[in-house]
Amino acid sequence: MDKKSILRIKDMGFPWETQDPFLFCVYHQDDYPKGNGELGPVGSLAGRNIGNDFQKKDGWRMYHGEKVPGFPEHPHRGFETVTFVLEGMVDHADSKGASGRYGNGDVQWMTAGSGLQHAEMFPLLKEEDKNPLELFQIWLNLPAKSKMVDPHFKMLWNEDIPKVKLNDKEGKVVEIEAVAGNISDTKSLSPAPDSWAADAENEVIIWHIKMAKNAKWELPAAKSNVNRSLFFFEGESVEIDGEKIPSQKIIELDASKTVMLENQNKNSRFLLLQGKPINEQVVQYGPFVMNSKSQIEEAFNDFKKTRFGGWSWPRPDMVHGKSKGRFAKFADGKEVVK
């Protein structure tokens, strides 16, 4: 095997550094306490920087929430958010009138396009037990031709997302959840229609990979002009090309080569992000990602004038009540209840 499949190894930060066509990935893991009946945490919030709490005091964060953890009303333009919730729940509301509650394996794929406001709150539904939350939010760029498409909100429900379970030669289990990108003969669900991922030629992959202790699995090759990052976020170590790599590392790989992953002494988890680069200038200012400074200025001016449709919800940190289950209500009025 060619010993040059590893291009770079980097430390993980917050957020995780990604390669084009991705902008970044944030991994949220919070051990929230019991809920207080109003979907917030039991107990005092003293000692926290309320409105901007990222310190993980006592193992959890309020983020920009003041009563409920999460991210109240805020705008985006020019890219997509892919929110993959492994555990816990997220309440969605946006300026187009869409709303939802999703989690425990669900994925929300949202194209901000020409401009959208949304809130992403983490309701603490359980009052008799803890409310752990674990999710990835991945920012996927849009090419210049798609920066100003109409916003779009799509759900990929846990029950529908393909999960491929494999056994290596020793019977050790490897499981891949394919949010985007086909694996072997298993097809993934369709992403949002204007996404860079919607064109199969761009070979966009978002896979959550679980490897049992001492399992081995060969990651198949892709095209040579595709960027591939493997985020090793849980486990002890993995061996690639004879190199033993500890967890909490980002491993950038040559996607044109098959790569044998040899997990070591603990169960491990990885996130794989792959895609053909867009190869366009990226100019980002906060929640806006465009191709030039003038377009960023235009985004601010447009938001000041239009508020991207305004905010019709009764509160900026919109949550949907304790009794609600998983659902999605779209801007056209269609509703899906799970």
Protein backbone atom coordinates (compact mmCIF):
# COMPACT_ATOMS: atom_id res chain seq x y z
CA MET A 1 0.00 0.00 0.00
CA ASP A 2 1.24 3.48 -0.85
CA LYS A 3 2.38 5.08 2.42
CA LYS A 4 1.33 8.57 1.37
CA SER A 5 -2.43 8.46 1.92
CA ILE A 6 -2.07 10.75 4.98
CA LEU A 7 -1.56 14.33 3.80
CA ARG A 8 -1.76 16.17 7.14
CA ILE A 9 -2.68 15.55 10.77
CA LYS A 10 -4.09 18.47 12.76
CA ASP A 11 -5.34 19.08 16.28
CA MET A 12 -9.05 19.55 16.77
CA GLY A 13 -10.25 22.95 17.90
CA PHE A 14 -13.65 24.56 18.35
CA PRO A 15 -14.94 24.63 15.69
CA TRP A 16 -13.23 21.91 13.66
CA GLU A 17 -11.23 23.08 10.66
CA THR A 18 -12.53 21.74 7.34
CA GLN A 19 -11.56 21.77 3.66
CA ASP A 20 -13.39 23.24 0.66
CA PRO A 21 -16.34 22.77 -0.04
CA PHE A 22 -16.99 22.76 3.73
CA LEU A 23 -16.56 25.92 5.79
CA PHE A 24 -16.30 24.37 9.26
CA CYS A 25 -17.88 21.84 11.58
CA VAL A 26 -18.94 22.43 15.18
CA TYR A 27 -19.25 19.44 17.52
CA HIS A 28 -21.61 20.13 20.42
CA GLN A 29 -21.59 17.72 23.36
CA ASP A 30 -23.37 18.93 26.49
CA ASP A 31 -24.43 16.94 29.53
CA TYR A 32 -27.49 19.04 30.33
CA PRO A 33 -29.21 18.53 33.70
CA LYS A 34 -32.91 17.90 34.30
CA GLY A 35 -35.35 20.33 32.72
CA ASN A 36 -37.12 22.98 34.81
CA GLY A 37 -40.55 22.66 33.18
CA GLU A 38 -39.89 25.62 30.89
CA LEU A 39 -37.41 23.68 28.71
CA GLY A 40 -34.41 25.26 30.43
CA PRO A 41 -31.99 23.75 32.96
CA VAL A 42 -32.84 23.19 36.61
CA GLY A 43 -30.81 25.33 38.98
CA SER A 44 -29.13 28.69 38.97
CA LEU A 45 -27.41 30.20 35.92
CA ALA A 46 -25.18 32.32 38.15
CA GLY A 47 -21.56 32.41 37.09
CA ARG A 48 -22.38 32.06 33.40
CA ASN A 49 -21.97 34.71 30.73
CA ILE A 50 -25.63 34.57 29.80
CA GLY A 51 -26.18 35.38 26.16
CA ASN A 52 -22.66 34.22 25.27
CA ASP A 53 -21.93 31.15 27.40
CA PHE A 54 -19.40 28.80 25.76
CA GLN A 55 -17.38 27.83 28.86
CA LYS A 56 -18.93 24.36 29.46
CA LYS A 57 -19.30 25.04 33.18
CA ASP A 58 -20.55 21.86 34.91
CA GLY A 59 -20.31 20.06 31.55
CA TRP A 60 -22.77 22.15 29.56
CA ARG A 61 -23.26 25.53 27.89
CA MET A 62 -26.16 27.94 27.36
CA TYR A 63 -24.55 29.28 24.15
CA HIS A 64 -26.55 32.40 23.20
CA GLY A 65 -29.67 31.30 25.08
CA GLU A 66 -30.82 33.11 28.20
CA LYS A 67 -33.51 30.68 29.42
CA VAL A 68 -33.20 27.72 27.03
CA PRO A 69 -29.80 26.64 25.69
CA GLY A 70 -29.13 27.27 22.01
CA PHE A 71 -29.00 29.93 19.35
CA PRO A 72 -31.93 32.38 19.22
CA GLU A 73 -33.00 34.23 16.06
CA HIS A 74 -30.01 34.97 13.77
CA PRO A 75 -29.48 35.41 10.01
CA HIS A 76 -27.54 33.51 7.35
CA ARG A 77 -26.79 34.03 3.66
CA GLY A 78 -24.73 32.22 1.03
CA PHE A 79 -24.22 28.69 2.40
CA GLU A 80 -25.92 25.67 3.99
CA THR A 81 -26.14 24.25 7.49
CA VAL A 82 -26.33 20.49 7.95
CA THR A 83 -27.31 19.74 11.55
CA PHE A 84 -26.85 16.07 12.50
CA VAL A 85 -28.25 15.40 15.98
CA LEU A 86 -26.94 12.18 17.49
CA GLU A 87 -28.66 12.61 20.86
CA GLY A 88 -31.11 15.15 22.26
CA MET A 89 -33.52 17.51 20.52
CA VAL A 90 -33.36 20.75 18.54
CA ASP A 91 -36.26 23.17 18.04
CA HIS A 92 -36.23 25.02 14.71
CA ALA A 93 -38.11 28.18 13.68
CA ASP A 94 -37.33 30.44 10.73
CA SER A 95 -38.33 33.65 8.97
CA LYS A 96 -40.13 31.75 6.18
CA GLY A 97 -42.57 30.31 8.71
CA ALA A 98 -41.05 26.83 8.88
CA SER A 99 -40.61 25.08 12.21
CA GLY A 100 -39.70 21.71 13.65
CA ARG A 101 -38.42 19.55 16.45
CA TYR A 102 -35.86 16.92 15.50
CA GLY A 103 -33.16 14.82 17.10
CA ASN A 104 -31.91 11.38 18.14
CA GLY A 105 -30.39 10.64 14.74
CA ASP A 106 -32.28 13.15 12.56
CA VAL A 107 -30.59 15.61 10.20
CA GLN A 108 -31.80 19.04 9.16
CA TRP A 109 -30.41 20.26 5.82
CA MET A 110 -31.00 24.00 5.46
CA THR A 111 -30.02 26.10 2.47
CA ALA A 112 -29.79 29.72 3.62
CA GLY A 113 -29.30 30.93 0.05
CA SER A 114 -30.39 34.53 -0.45
CA GLY A 115 -31.13 35.00 3.24
CA LEU A 116 -32.93 33.45 6.16
CA GLN A 117 -33.29 33.99 9.88
CA HIS A 118 -33.64 30.95 12.11
CA ALA A 119 -33.46 29.88 15.72
CA GLU A 120 -31.87 26.64 16.92
CA MET A 121 -32.76 25.89 20.52
CA PHE A 122 -32.03 22.84 22.65
CA PRO A 123 -35.17 22.14 24.72
CA LEU A 124 -34.58 20.16 27.91
CA LEU A 125 -37.69 17.99 27.76
CA LYS A 126 -36.95 15.52 30.55
CA GLU A 127 -37.63 16.74 34.08
CA GLU A 128 -36.82 13.49 35.90
CA ASP A 129 -33.52 12.73 34.19
CA LYS A 130 -30.58 14.43 32.49
CA ASN A 131 -30.88 15.79 28.94
CA PRO A 132 -27.62 14.95 27.10
CA LEU A 133 -27.08 16.63 23.72
CA GLU A 134 -24.66 15.61 20.98
CA LEU A 135 -24.67 17.04 17.48
CA PHE A 136 -22.58 18.13 14.53
CA GLN A 137 -23.36 21.34 12.69
CA ILE A 138 -21.61 21.40 9.36
CA TRP A 139 -21.40 24.50 7.19
CA LEU A 140 -21.30 23.57 3.50
CA ASN A 141 -20.51 26.34 1.05
CA LEU A 142 -22.58 27.23 -2.02
CA PRO A 143 -20.96 28.14 -5.35
CA ALA A 144 -21.40 31.68 -6.66
CA LYS A 145 -24.20 30.60 -9.01
CA SER A 146 -26.23 29.32 -6.03
CA LYS A 147 -25.50 31.94 -3.36
CA MET A 148 -28.82 33.70 -3.93
CA VAL A 149 -31.16 30.73 -4.42
CA ASP A 150 -34.40 30.63 -2.45
CA PRO A 151 -33.94 29.31 1.10
CA HIS A 152 -34.86 25.67 1.60
CA PHE A 153 -35.49 23.52 4.69
CA LYS A 154 -35.32 19.73 4.41
CA MET A 155 -35.45 16.94 6.97
CA LEU A 156 -33.59 13.64 6.75
CA TRP A 157 -35.27 11.51 9.41
CA ASN A 158 -33.29 8.97 11.39
CA GLU A 159 -35.55 6.12 10.25
CA ASP A 160 -34.72 6.88 6.61
CA ILE A 161 -30.98 7.57 6.79
CA PRO A 162 -29.03 4.54 5.47
CA LYS A 163 -26.97 2.68 8.05
CA VAL A 164 -24.53 0.12 6.71
CA LYS A 165 -23.30 -2.53 9.16
CA LEU A 166 -20.21 -4.50 8.18
CA ASN A 167 -18.04 -7.20 9.77
CA ASP A 168 -14.31 -7.39 9.18
CA LYS A 169 -12.44 -10.71 8.76
CA GLU A 170 -12.37 -11.15 12.54
CA GLY A 171 -16.07 -10.41 12.89
CA LYS A 172 -15.50 -6.94 14.36
CA VAL A 173 -18.32 -4.52 13.60
CA VAL A 174 -18.09 -1.31 11.58
CA GLU A 175 -21.21 0.82 11.13
CA ILE A 176 -21.56 3.78 8.77
CA GLU A 177 -24.44 6.28 8.85
CA ALA A 178 -24.53 7.85 5.39
CA VAL A 179 -26.05 11.33 5.67
CA ALA A 180 -24.66 12.18 2.23
CA GLY A 181 -22.75 10.10 -0.28
CA ASN A 182 -23.47 6.53 -1.34
CA ILE A 183 -21.62 3.66 0.29
CA SER A 184 -21.14 0.48 -1.76
CA ASP A 185 -24.56 -0.25 -3.27
CA THR A 186 -26.43 1.73 -0.61
CA LYS A 187 -27.74 5.09 -1.75
CA SER A 188 -27.99 8.05 0.61
CA LEU A 189 -31.01 10.34 0.76
CA SER A 190 -31.18 13.37 -1.51
CA PRO A 191 -29.83 16.60 -0.02
CA ALA A 192 -31.46 20.02 -0.47
CA PRO A 193 -31.99 20.61 -4.21
CA ASP A 194 -29.57 23.53 -4.70
CA SER A 195 -26.80 22.01 -2.59
CA TRP A 196 -23.29 21.39 -3.91
CA ALA A 197 -23.99 17.85 -2.68
CA ALA A 198 -26.95 17.46 -5.05
CA ASP A 199 -24.58 16.83 -7.99
CA ALA A 200 -23.10 13.32 -7.64
CA GLU A 201 -20.04 14.47 -9.58
CA ASN A 202 -19.04 16.56 -6.55
CA GLU A 203 -18.72 13.36 -4.44
CA VAL A 204 -19.87 15.01 -1.22
CA ILE A 205 -19.77 12.61 1.72
CA ILE A 206 -20.98 13.06 5.29
CA TRP A 207 -20.53 9.77 7.14
CA HIS A 208 -20.63 8.96 10.84
CA ILE A 209 -18.37 5.91 11.26
CA LYS A 210 -18.40 3.65 14.33
CA MET A 211 -15.64 1.05 14.70
CA ALA A 212 -15.56 -1.64 17.35
CA LYS A 213 -12.41 -2.29 19.36
CA ASN A 214 -9.67 -3.64 17.04
CA ALA A 215 -11.92 -3.49 13.96
CA LYS A 216 -10.43 -2.91 10.52
CA TRP A 217 -12.12 -1.26 7.55
CA GLU A 218 -10.94 -0.07 4.16
CA LEU A 219 -12.15 3.38 3.20
CA PRO A 220 -12.80 3.27 -0.56
CA ALA A 221 -11.06 5.62 -2.98
CA ALA A 222 -12.68 8.64 -4.61
CA LYS A 223 -11.52 11.02 -7.31
CA SER A 224 -8.07 12.60 -7.02
CA ASN A 225 -9.48 16.15 -7.03
CA VAL A 226 -11.66 15.53 -3.98
CA ASN A 227 -10.85 16.81 -0.47
CA ARG A 228 -11.22 14.27 2.35
CA SER A 229 -11.04 14.94 6.11
CA LEU A 230 -11.46 12.26 8.77
CA PHE A 231 -12.33 13.64 12.21
CA PHE A 232 -11.32 11.18 14.94
CA PHE A 233 -13.39 12.49 17.83
CA GLU A 234 -13.84 9.47 20.10
CA GLY A 235 -11.62 6.50 20.91
CA GLU A 236 -8.02 5.78 21.84
CA SER A 237 -6.02 5.47 18.62
CA VAL A 238 -6.24 4.35 15.02
CA GLU A 239 -3.49 3.03 12.77
CA ILE A 240 -3.28 4.33 9.20
CA ASP A 241 -0.36 3.55 6.87
CA GLY A 242 1.51 2.09 9.85
CA GLU A 243 1.17 5.35 11.82
CA LYS A 244 -0.61 5.26 15.17
CA ILE A 245 -2.78 8.36 15.55
CA PRO A 246 -4.44 9.35 18.85
CA SER A 247 -8.02 10.61 19.05
CA GLN A 248 -8.91 14.30 18.87
CA LYS A 249 -7.11 14.63 15.55
CA ILE A 250 -8.15 15.72 12.07
CA ILE A 251 -6.63 13.43 9.45
CA GLU A 252 -6.54 14.85 5.91
CA LEU A 253 -6.30 11.99 3.41
CA ASP A 254 -5.53 11.55 -0.27
CA ALA A 255 -9.00 10.61 -1.51
CA SER A 256 -7.62 8.92 -4.63
CA LYS A 257 -6.25 6.07 -2.49
CA THR A 258 -8.02 3.35 -0.55
CA VAL A 259 -7.13 3.67 3.13
CA MET A 260 -7.13 0.89 5.73
CA LEU A 261 -8.35 2.10 9.13
CA GLU A 262 -7.16 -0.16 11.94
CA ASN A 263 -8.90 0.77 15.15
CA GLN A 264 -7.05 0.06 18.39
CA ASN A 265 -8.07 -0.75 21.97
CA LYS A 266 -11.40 1.06 22.37
CA ASN A 267 -14.57 1.57 20.36
CA SER A 268 -14.07 4.61 18.15
CA ARG A 269 -16.11 7.12 16.21
CA PHE A 270 -15.21 9.26 13.23
CA LEU A 271 -16.88 11.88 11.05
CA LEU A 272 -15.86 11.81 7.39
CA LEU A 273 -16.33 14.97 5.31
CA GLN A 274 -15.43 14.77 1.65
CA GLY A 275 -16.19 16.75 -1.47
CA LYS A 276 -14.93 18.26 -4.68
CA PRO A 277 -13.69 21.79 -3.88
CA ILE A 278 -15.72 24.71 -5.20
CA ASN A 279 -12.46 26.62 -5.75
CA GLU A 280 -13.95 30.10 -5.45
CA GLN A 281 -12.97 33.00 -3.25
CA VAL A 282 -14.60 32.85 0.17
CA VAL A 283 -15.34 36.08 2.02
CA GLN A 284 -17.03 35.49 5.35
CA TYR A 285 -18.27 37.92 7.93
CA GLY A 286 -20.11 36.22 10.76
CA PRO A 287 -23.26 34.59 9.40
CA PHE A 288 -22.73 35.67 5.79
CA VAL A 289 -20.49 33.77 3.35
CA MET A 290 -20.06 35.31 -0.09
CA ASN A 291 -17.40 35.76 -2.80
CA SER A 292 -16.48 39.43 -2.29
CA LYS A 293 -16.44 42.17 0.32
CA SER A 294 -19.04 44.14 -1.65
CA GLN A 295 -21.41 41.16 -1.50
CA ILE A 296 -20.96 41.02 2.28
CA GLU A 297 -21.83 44.71 2.50
CA GLU A 298 -24.87 44.06 0.32
CA ALA A 299 -25.92 41.22 2.65
CA PHE A 300 -25.80 43.53 5.67
CA ASN A 301 -27.75 46.22 3.82
CA ASP A 302 -30.38 43.73 2.64
CA PHE A 303 -30.77 42.30 6.13
CA LYS A 304 -31.15 45.80 7.59
CA LYS A 305 -33.90 46.60 5.08
CA THR A 306 -35.80 43.30 4.93
CA ARG A 307 -34.76 41.29 8.00
CA PHE A 308 -34.84 38.39 5.50
CA GLY A 309 -38.59 38.15 5.88
CA GLY A 310 -38.83 39.34 9.47
CA TRP A 311 -39.58 37.32 12.57
CA SER A 312 -43.21 36.41 13.21
CA TRP A 313 -42.58 34.10 16.16
CA PRO A 314 -43.52 35.25 19.69
CA ARG A 315 -39.99 34.93 21.04
CA PRO A 316 -36.46 35.02 19.54
CA ASP A 317 -35.56 31.73 21.27
CA MET A 318 -38.62 29.95 19.89
CA VAL A 319 -39.39 26.54 21.41
CA HIS A 320 -42.42 24.38 20.74
CA GLY A 321 -43.70 23.20 24.11
CA LYS A 322 -43.00 20.16 26.22
CA SER A 323 -45.72 17.94 24.72
CA LYS A 324 -44.55 18.21 21.11
CA GLY A 325 -42.82 15.24 19.52
CA ARG A 326 -40.63 15.19 16.41
CA PHE A 327 -42.17 17.14 13.56
CA ALA A 328 -41.43 19.45 10.67
CA LYS A 329 -43.74 22.15 9.35
CA PHE A 330 -42.58 23.64 6.08
CA ALA A 331 -43.03 27.13 4.66
CA ASP A 332 -45.78 25.88 2.31
CA GLY A 333 -47.84 24.66 5.29
CA LYS A 334 -47.10 20.96 4.81
CA GLU A 335 -46.42 19.20 8.10
CA VAL A 336 -44.73 15.89 8.86
CA VAL A 337 -45.18 14.30 12.30
CA LYS A 338 -42.92 11.44 13.37
